[in-house]
C-alpha atoms as a PDB file:
ATOM      1  CA  MET A   1      53.239 -90.489 -10.077  1.00  0.00           C
ATOM      2  CA  SER A   2      56.688 -90.862  -8.529  1.00  0.00           C
ATOM      3  CA  HIS A   3      59.435 -88.805 -10.174  1.00  0.00           C
ATOM      4  CA  ARG A   4      62.411 -90.131  -8.208  1.00  0.00           C
ATOM      5  CA  ARG A   5      63.692 -92.082 -11.192  1.00  0.00           C
ATOM      6  CA  TRP A   6      61.145 -91.048 -13.799  1.00  0.00           C
ATOM      7  CA  TYR A   7      63.802 -90.227 -16.400  1.00  0.00           C
ATOM      8  CA  GLN A   8      64.925 -93.853 -16.364  1.00  0.00           C
ATOM      9  CA  GLU A   9      61.436 -95.149 -17.094  1.00  0.00           C
ATOM     10  CA  LYS A  10      58.821 -94.744 -19.815  1.00  0.00           C
ATOM     11  CA  TYR A  11      56.632 -91.692 -19.397  1.00  0.00           C
ATOM     12  CA  TYR A  12      54.374 -90.558 -22.196  1.00  0.00           C
ATOM     13  CA  LEU A  13      53.430 -86.939 -22.653  1.00  0.00           C
ATOM     14  CA  ASP A  14      50.080 -87.779 -24.225  1.00  0.00           C
ATOM     15  CA  ARG A  15      49.136 -89.396 -20.899  1.00  0.00           C
ATOM     16  CA  MET A  16      50.448 -86.629 -18.622  1.00  0.00           C
ATOM     17  CA  THR A  17      48.893 -83.432 -17.329  1.00  0.00           C
ATOM     18  CA  ALA A  18      50.601 -80.041 -17.492  1.00  0.00           C
ATOM     19  CA  LYS A  19      51.206 -80.219 -13.740  1.00  0.00           C
ATOM     20  CA  GLU A  20      52.890 -83.619 -14.032  1.00  0.00           C
ATOM     21  CA  LEU A  21      55.056 -82.321 -16.867  1.00  0.00           C
ATOM     22  CA  LEU A  22      56.156 -79.307 -14.838  1.00  0.00           C
ATOM     23  CA  SER A  23      57.087 -81.572 -11.942  1.00  0.00           C
ATOM     24  CA  ALA A  24      59.043 -83.824 -14.290  1.00  0.00           C
ATOM     25  CA  TYR A  25      60.755 -80.812 -15.862  1.00  0.00           C
ATOM     26  CA  LEU A  26      61.873 -79.398 -12.522  1.00  0.00           C
ATOM     27  CA  THR A  27      63.169 -82.733 -11.238  1.00  0.00           C
ATOM     28  CA  TYR A  28      65.099 -83.726 -14.361  1.00  0.00           C
ATOM     29  CA  PRO A  29      68.849 -83.576 -13.529  1.00  0.00           C
ATOM     30  CA  GLY A  30      69.746 -81.811 -16.770  1.00  0.00           C
ATOM     31  CA  ILE A  31      67.236 -79.022 -16.152  1.00  0.00           C
ATOM     32  CA  GLN A  32      68.551 -78.606 -12.618  1.00  0.00           C
ATOM     33  CA  VAL A  33      72.064 -78.187 -14.044  1.00  0.00           C
ATOM     34  CA  TYR A  34      70.705 -75.490 -16.368  1.00  0.00           C
ATOM     35  CA  PHE A  35      69.210 -73.623 -13.409  1.00  0.00           C
ATOM     36  CA  VAL A  36      72.555 -73.709 -11.581  1.00  0.00           C
ATOM     37  CA  LEU A  37      74.416 -72.507 -14.681  1.00  0.00           C
ATOM     38  CA  LEU A  38      71.828 -69.790 -15.271  1.00  0.00           C
ATOM     39  CA  PHE A  39      72.282 -68.520 -11.717  1.00  0.00           C
ATOM     40  CA  CYS A  40      76.074 -68.581 -12.077  1.00  0.00           C
ATOM     41  CA  SER A  41      76.028 -66.788 -15.434  1.00  0.00           C
ATOM     42  CA  LEU A  42      73.622 -64.101 -14.193  1.00  0.00           C
ATOM     43  CA  THR A  43      75.846 -63.600 -11.146  1.00  0.00           C
ATOM     44  CA  SER A  44      78.803 -63.183 -13.509  1.00  0.00           C
ATOM     45  CA  VAL A  45      76.846 -60.632 -15.548  1.00  0.00           C
ATOM     46  CA  ILE A  46      76.154 -58.554 -12.449  1.00  0.00           C
ATOM     47  CA  TYR A  47      79.780 -58.752 -11.315  1.00  0.00           C
ATOM     48  CA  VAL A  48      81.198 -57.824 -14.728  1.00  0.00           C
ATOM     49  CA  HIS A  49      78.989 -54.768 -15.062  1.00  0.00           C
ATOM     50  CA  ARG A  50      79.316 -53.581 -11.482  1.00  0.00           C
ATOM     51  CA  GLN A  51      83.080 -53.720 -11.840  1.00  0.00           C
ATOM     52  CA  GLY A  52      82.839 -51.534 -14.912  1.00  0.00           C
ATOM     53  CA  PHE A  53      84.278 -54.051 -17.381  1.00  0.00           C
ATOM     54  CA  SER A  54      81.299 -53.371 -19.611  1.00  0.00           C
ATOM     55  CA  GLY A  55      78.269 -51.095 -19.654  1.00  0.00           C
ATOM     56  CA  TRP A  56      74.691 -52.177 -19.065  1.00  0.00           C
ATOM     57  CA  GLU A  57      73.785 -50.819 -22.495  1.00  0.00           C
ATOM     58  CA  SER A  58      76.177 -53.322 -24.020  1.00  0.00           C
ATOM     59  CA  ALA A  59      74.474 -56.096 -22.034  1.00  0.00           C
ATOM     60  CA  GLY A  60      71.147 -54.977 -23.447  1.00  0.00           C
ATOM     61  CA  TRP A  61      72.395 -55.147 -27.023  1.00  0.00           C
ATOM     62  CA  THR A  62      73.924 -58.541 -26.323  1.00  0.00           C
ATOM     63  CA  ALA A  63      70.579 -59.776 -25.037  1.00  0.00           C
ATOM     64  CA  VAL A  64      68.776 -58.436 -28.121  1.00  0.00           C
ATOM     65  CA  ALA A  65      71.311 -60.022 -30.482  1.00  0.00           C
ATOM     66  CA  THR A  66      71.061 -63.385 -28.717  1.00  0.00           C
ATOM     67  CA  LEU A  67      67.267 -63.349 -28.742  1.00  0.00           C
ATOM     68  CA  LEU A  68      67.259 -62.543 -32.461  1.00  0.00           C
ATOM     69  CA  ALA A  69      69.812 -65.261 -33.217  1.00  0.00           C
ATOM     70  CA  TYR A  70      68.120 -67.984 -31.179  1.00  0.00           C
ATOM     71  CA  PRO A  71      65.335 -68.932 -33.672  1.00  0.00           C
ATOM     72  CA  PHE A  72      67.938 -69.278 -36.432  1.00  0.00           C
ATOM     73  CA  VAL A  73      70.155 -71.503 -34.281  1.00  0.00           C
ATOM     74  CA  GLU A  74      67.171 -73.648 -33.302  1.00  0.00           C
ATOM     75  CA  TYR A  75      66.096 -73.949 -36.928  1.00  0.00           C
ATOM     76  CA  GLY A  76      69.592 -74.638 -38.261  1.00  0.00           C
ATOM     77  CA  VAL A  77      70.413 -77.334 -35.716  1.00  0.00           C
ATOM     78  CA  HIS A  78      67.051 -79.038 -36.208  1.00  0.00           C
ATOM     79  CA  ARG A  79      67.046 -78.940 -39.995  1.00  0.00           C
ATOM     80  CA  PHE A  80      70.666 -79.442 -40.945  1.00  0.00           C
ATOM     81  CA  ILE A  81      72.084 -81.498 -38.054  1.00  0.00           C
ATOM     82  CA  LEU A  82      69.242 -83.467 -36.483  1.00  0.00           C
ATOM     83  CA  HIS A  83      67.587 -84.093 -39.857  1.00  0.00           C
ATOM     84  CA  GLY A  84      70.874 -84.411 -41.699  1.00  0.00           C
ATOM     85  CA  ARG A  85      72.095 -87.856 -42.678  1.00  0.00           C
ATOM     86  CA  PHE A  86      75.755 -87.586 -41.806  1.00  0.00           C
ATOM     87  CA  LEU A  87      75.467 -88.497 -38.100  1.00  0.00           C
ATOM     88  CA  TYR A  88      73.986 -91.974 -38.593  1.00  0.00           C
ATOM     89  CA  ARG A  89      76.434 -92.738 -41.390  1.00  0.00           C
ATOM     90  CA  SER A  90      79.343 -92.929 -38.967  1.00  0.00           C
ATOM     91  CA  PRO A  91      79.736 -95.585 -36.265  1.00  0.00           C
ATOM     92  CA  TRP A  92      81.158 -92.860 -34.018  1.00  0.00           C
ATOM     93  CA  THR A  93      78.044 -90.669 -34.094  1.00  0.00           C
ATOM     94  CA  ALA A  94      75.243 -93.169 -34.819  1.00  0.00           C
ATOM     95  CA  ALA A  95      74.358 -93.618 -31.142  1.00  0.00           C
ATOM     96  CA  LEU A  96      74.362 -89.839 -30.679  1.00  0.00           C
ATOM     97  CA  TRP A  97      71.895 -89.311 -33.557  1.00  0.00           C
ATOM     98  CA  LYS A  98      69.707 -92.142 -32.311  1.00  0.00           C
ATOM     99  CA  ARG A  99      69.504 -90.570 -28.857  1.00  0.00           C
ATOM    100  CA  ILE A 100      69.056 -86.935 -29.812  1.00  0.00           C
ATOM    101  CA  HIS A 101      66.515 -87.282 -32.633  1.00  0.00           C
ATOM    102  CA  TYR A 102      65.791 -90.667 -34.200  1.00  0.00           C
ATOM    103  CA  ASP A 103      64.216 -92.067 -31.029  1.00  0.00           C
ATOM    104  CA  HIS A 104      62.132 -88.918 -30.645  1.00  0.00           C
ATOM    105  CA  HIS A 105      60.628 -89.323 -34.124  1.00  0.00           C
ATOM    106  CA  GLN A 106      60.101 -93.019 -33.519  1.00  0.00           C
ATOM    107  CA  ASP A 107      58.063 -92.226 -30.414  1.00  0.00           C
ATOM    108  CA  PRO A 108      57.387 -88.462 -30.172  1.00  0.00           C
ATOM    109  CA  ASN A 109      55.589 -88.712 -26.830  1.00  0.00           C
ATOM    110  CA  ASP A 110      58.319 -90.585 -24.955  1.00  0.00           C
ATOM    111  CA  LEU A 111      59.596 -88.055 -22.426  1.00  0.00           C
ATOM    112  CA  SER A 112      62.693 -90.100 -21.595  1.00  0.00           C
ATOM    113  CA  VAL A 113      64.283 -89.221 -24.958  1.00  0.00           C
ATOM    114  CA  LEU A 114      62.828 -85.744 -25.428  1.00  0.00           C
ATOM    115  CA  PHE A 115      65.020 -83.722 -23.056  1.00  0.00           C
ATOM    116  CA  GLY A 116      68.427 -82.990 -24.530  1.00  0.00           C
ATOM    117  CA  ALA A 117      71.575 -84.572 -23.133  1.00  0.00           C
ATOM    118  CA  LEU A 118      74.007 -82.195 -21.432  1.00  0.00           C
ATOM    119  CA  ASN A 119      76.987 -83.383 -23.474  1.00  0.00           C
ATOM    120  CA  THR A 120      75.270 -82.141 -26.637  1.00  0.00           C
ATOM    121  CA  THR A 121      73.174 -79.188 -25.456  1.00  0.00           C
ATOM    122  CA  LEU A 122      75.785 -77.264 -23.477  1.00  0.00           C
ATOM    123  CA  PRO A 123      78.482 -77.266 -26.206  1.00  0.00           C
ATOM    124  CA  THR A 124      75.840 -76.106 -28.689  1.00  0.00           C
ATOM    125  CA  ILE A 125      74.735 -73.253 -26.438  1.00  0.00           C
ATOM    126  CA  VAL A 126      78.344 -72.207 -25.854  1.00  0.00           C
ATOM    127  CA  ALA A 127      79.167 -72.363 -29.580  1.00  0.00           C
ATOM    128  CA  ALA A 128      76.117 -70.237 -30.420  1.00  0.00           C
ATOM    129  CA  THR A 129      76.424 -67.602 -27.694  1.00  0.00           C
ATOM    130  CA  VAL A 130      80.139 -66.974 -27.176  1.00  0.00           C
ATOM    131  CA  PRO A 131      80.612 -65.446 -30.678  1.00  0.00           C
ATOM    132  CA  ILE A 132      77.624 -63.166 -30.092  1.00  0.00           C
ATOM    133  CA  GLY A 133      79.054 -61.900 -26.805  1.00  0.00           C
ATOM    134  CA  LEU A 134      82.467 -61.347 -28.361  1.00  0.00           C
ATOM    135  CA  CYS A 135      81.059 -59.515 -31.384  1.00  0.00           C
ATOM    136  CA  VAL A 136      78.781 -57.214 -29.405  1.00  0.00           C
ATOM    137  CA  GLY A 137      80.900 -56.291 -26.417  1.00  0.00           C
ATOM    138  CA  GLY A 138      83.988 -58.475 -26.181  1.00  0.00           C
ATOM    139  CA  TRP A 139      84.749 -61.034 -23.519  1.00  0.00           C
ATOM    140  CA  PRO A 140      82.812 -59.204 -20.721  1.00  0.00           C
ATOM    141  CA  GLU A 141      79.588 -59.865 -22.628  1.00  0.00           C
ATOM    142  CA  ILE A 142      80.077 -63.627 -22.940  1.00  0.00           C
ATOM    143  CA  PRO A 143      78.183 -64.296 -19.652  1.00  0.00           C
ATOM    144  CA  SER A 144      75.293 -62.117 -20.876  1.00  0.00           C
ATOM    145  CA  ALA A 145      74.991 -63.965 -24.179  1.00  0.00           C
ATOM    146  CA  PHE A 146      75.305 -67.354 -22.482  1.00  0.00           C
ATOM    147  CA  ALA A 147      72.665 -66.499 -19.863  1.00  0.00           C
ATOM    148  CA  ILE A 148      70.139 -65.392 -22.501  1.00  0.00           C
ATOM    149  CA  GLY A 149      70.899 -68.363 -24.739  1.00  0.00           C
ATOM    150  CA  LEU A 150      70.585 -70.790 -21.855  1.00  0.00           C
ATOM    151  CA  GLY A 151      67.315 -69.182 -20.757  1.00  0.00           C
ATOM    152  CA  CYS A 152      65.940 -69.500 -24.296  1.00  0.00           C
ATOM    153  CA  PHE A 153      66.895 -73.154 -24.388  1.00  0.00           C
ATOM    154  CA  MET A 154      65.220 -73.839 -21.045  1.00  0.00           C
ATOM    155  CA  VAL A 155      62.024 -72.275 -22.388  1.00  0.00           C
ATOM    156  CA  TYR A 156      62.430 -74.382 -25.528  1.00  0.00           C
ATOM    157  CA  GLU A 157      62.740 -77.604 -23.520  1.00  0.00           C
ATOM    158  CA  LEU A 158      59.534 -76.945 -21.615  1.00  0.00           C
ATOM    159  CA  GLY A 159      57.681 -75.615 -24.657  1.00  0.00           C
ATOM    160  CA  HIS A 160      58.691 -78.599 -26.771  1.00  0.00           C
ATOM    161  CA  CYS A 161      57.326 -80.971 -24.155  1.00  0.00           C
ATOM    162  CA  MET A 162      54.095 -79.012 -23.855  1.00  0.00           C
ATOM    163  CA  GLN A 163      53.531 -79.365 -27.589  1.00  0.00           C
ATOM    164  CA  HIS A 164      53.288 -83.126 -27.108  1.00  0.00           C
ATOM    165  CA  LEU A 165      50.845 -82.978 -24.213  1.00  0.00           C
ATOM    166  CA  LYS A 166      47.299 -84.035 -24.997  1.00  0.00           C
ATOM    167  CA  VAL A 167      46.156 -80.538 -24.068  1.00  0.00           C
ATOM    168  CA  THR A 168      44.870 -77.765 -26.330  1.00  0.00           C
ATOM    169  CA  PRO A 169      46.466 -74.449 -25.306  1.00  0.00           C
ATOM    170  CA  ARG A 170      44.139 -71.530 -24.702  1.00  0.00           C
ATOM    171  CA  ASN A 171      46.592 -69.063 -26.205  1.00  0.00           C
ATOM    172  CA  LYS A 172      46.280 -68.650 -29.992  1.00  0.00           C
ATOM    173  CA  PHE A 173      50.045 -68.495 -30.589  1.00  0.00           C
ATOM    174  CA  LEU A 174      50.679 -71.618 -28.500  1.00  0.00           C
ATOM    175  CA  ARG A 175      47.969 -73.477 -30.437  1.00  0.00           C
ATOM    176  CA  LYS A 176      49.609 -72.385 -33.672  1.00  0.00           C
ATOM    177  CA  ILE A 177      53.111 -73.578 -32.846  1.00  0.00           C
ATOM    178  CA  LYS A 178      51.750 -76.806 -31.362  1.00  0.00           C
ATOM    179  CA  ARG A 179      49.956 -77.586 -34.637  1.00  0.00           C
ATOM    180  CA  HIS A 180      53.076 -76.498 -36.535  1.00  0.00           C
ATOM    181  CA  HIS A 181      55.257 -78.969 -34.633  1.00  0.00           C
ATOM    182  CA  LEU A 182      52.824 -81.887 -34.631  1.00  0.00           C
ATOM    183  CA  LEU A 183      52.516 -81.644 -38.409  1.00  0.00           C
ATOM    184  CA  HIS A 184      56.308 -82.017 -38.538  1.00  0.00           C
ATOM    185  CA  HIS A 185      56.084 -85.200 -36.485  1.00  0.00           C
ATOM    186  CA  PHE A 186      53.000 -86.864 -37.899  1.00  0.00           C
ATOM    187  CA  HIS A 187      52.636 -85.587 -41.470  1.00  0.00           C
ATOM    188  CA  ASN A 188      55.848 -84.424 -43.138  1.00  0.00           C
ATOM    189  CA  GLU A 189      59.219 -84.028 -41.421  1.00  0.00           C
ATOM    190  CA  ARG A 190      60.762 -82.077 -44.312  1.00  0.00           C
ATOM    191  CA  GLY A 191      59.164 -78.845 -43.121  1.00  0.00           C
ATOM    192  CA  ASN A 192      58.091 -76.983 -39.974  1.00  0.00           C
ATOM    193  CA  PHE A 193      61.495 -77.190 -38.316  1.00  0.00           C
ATOM    194  CA  GLY A 194      60.882 -74.279 -35.953  1.00  0.00           C
ATOM    195  CA  ILE A 195      59.709 -75.290 -32.491  1.00  0.00           C
ATOM    196  CA  THR A 196      59.378 -72.030 -30.581  1.00  0.00           C
ATOM    197  CA  SER A 197      58.468 -69.962 -33.645  1.00  0.00           C
ATOM    198  CA  VAL A 198      57.550 -70.254 -37.329  1.00  0.00           C
ATOM    199  CA  TRP A 199      59.633 -67.301 -38.548  1.00  0.00           C
ATOM    200  CA  CYS A 200      62.557 -69.246 -39.970  1.00  0.00           C
ATOM    201  CA  ASP A 201      60.306 -71.733 -41.737  1.00  0.00           C
ATOM    202  CA  ARG A 202      58.598 -68.813 -43.450  1.00  0.00           C
ATOM    203  CA  ILE A 203      61.929 -67.177 -44.318  1.00  0.00           C
ATOM    204  CA  PHE A 204      63.516 -70.337 -45.729  1.00  0.00           C
ATOM    205  CA  GLY A 205      60.432 -71.752 -47.437  1.00  0.00           C
ATOM    206  CA  THR A 206      59.854 -74.807 -45.244  1.00  0.00           C
ATOM    207  CA  TYR A 207      56.614 -73.641 -43.662  1.00  0.00           C
ATOM    208  CA  TYR A 208      53.328 -75.420 -44.273  1.00  0.00           C
ATOM    209  CA  LYS A 209      50.105 -74.630 -42.508  1.00  0.00           C
ATOM    210  CA  SER A 210      48.083 -77.820 -42.884  1.00  0.00           C
ATOM    211  CA  SER A 211      48.327 -81.412 -44.073  1.00  0.00           C
ATOM    212  CA  GLU A 212      46.718 -80.345 -47.334  1.00  0.00           C
ATOM    213  CA  ASP A 213      49.674 -78.127 -48.252  1.00  0.00           C
ATOM    214  CA  VAL A 214      52.248 -80.921 -48.672  1.00  0.00           C
ATOM    215  CA  PRO A 215      51.964 -84.688 -49.245  1.00  0.00           C
ATOM    216  CA  PHE A 216      52.283 -87.185 -46.415  1.00  0.00           C
ATOM    217  CA  SER A 217      55.867 -88.372 -45.921  1.00  0.00           C
ATOM    218  CA  GLN A 218      56.580 -92.080 -45.652  1.00  0.00           C
ATOM    219  CA  THR A 219      59.737 -91.260 -43.683  1.00  0.00           C
ATOM    220  CA  VAL A 220      58.084 -89.094 -41.031  1.00  0.00           C
ATOM    221  CA  SER A 221      58.987 -91.622 -38.323  1.00  0.00           C
ATOM    222  CA  ASN A 222      62.302 -93.053 -39.532  1.00  0.00           C
ATOM    223  CA  LEU A 223      63.785 -89.851 -41.034  1.00  0.00           C
ATOM    224  CA  GLY A 224      64.899 -91.746 -44.114  1.00  0.00           C
ATOM    225  CA  TYR A 225      66.815 -94.347 -42.128  1.00  0.00           C
ATOM    226  CA  ALA A 226      65.375 -97.444 -43.798  1.00  0.00           C
ATOM    227  CA  ASP A 227      65.989 -99.996 -46.533  1.00  0.00           C
ATOM    228  CA  GLN A 228      69.327 -99.326 -48.260  1.00  0.00           C
ATOM    229  CA  GLU A 229      70.385 -96.695 -45.735  1.00  0.00           C
ATOM    230  CA  CYS A 230      69.730 -99.090 -42.889  1.00  0.00           C
ATOM    231  CA  PHE A 231      71.627-101.877 -44.663  1.00  0.00           C
ATOM    232  CA  GLN A 232      74.593 -99.695 -45.577  1.00  0.00           C
ATOM    233  CA  TYR A 233      74.800 -97.951 -42.211  1.00  0.00           C
ATOM    234  CA  PRO A 234      73.579-100.574 -39.716  1.00  0.00           C
ATOM    235  CA  TRP A 235      74.708 -99.041 -36.425  1.00  0.00           C
ATOM    236  CA  VAL A 236      71.459 -97.342 -35.432  1.00  0.00           C
ATOM    237  CA  ALA A 237      69.501-100.478 -36.392  1.00  0.00           C
ATOM    238  CA  GLU A 238      71.793-102.596 -34.254  1.00  0.00           C
ATOM    239  CA  LEU A 239      71.361-100.241 -31.307  1.00  0.00           C
ATOM    240  CA  SER A 240      67.579-100.339 -31.794  1.00  0.00           C
ATOM    241  CA  GLN A 241      67.320-104.110 -31.440  1.00  0.00           C
ATOM    242  CA  PRO A 242      65.451-105.255 -28.305  1.00  0.00           C
ATOM    243  CA  LYS A 243      67.790-106.296 -25.532  1.00  0.00           C
ATOM    244  CA  SER A 244      67.640-109.984 -24.733  1.00  0.00           C
END
């Protein structure tokens, strides 16, 4: 498989091996930008602490706070923004919603729409991590929070893709979160919003273990964008029409 322009073509995770996915992950331009930013932020962390602007203990607490906050950010963005209905109801954000989530639920195995777009992922990471750095240790800890948040997101991107591979993980936890996520995609999208963990779903009452726990959702693929919604807010439908 050639990966020179793979992100501009159709590649399906249920037809790929783990090795092919890893190759695709490492050659995707967005992921390469993340690696560069991660290196730069870690370099900044080392500089800030060697210069004495902040102590290493403060960096440790910043890392802990960011790691604890990450599942809640992931859950909140997925549940309230990606599954919210306000983005497709505006002509200014309809294309954004279509790209970042609607297309993924329409075809969950299409790798070309699974990786996040830099113009949406980076502002989200900054918005989530900068306040943590400021609260824990002030401005010197912003690079620490950003580095941990970015690292978490890079793990998320790979883990999310792996959940759509036609491969059964050997690890019990990985099997659990894979089942958790696939139920969200193919049974009922109103629950199981966590992707790297199930903690927040348990905390906020949106967790379900099997298809027997909740009824099948008729909107699992269209996220409620159908019928009257589609008629009243036609922009996503117009963008989804086949190009002539």
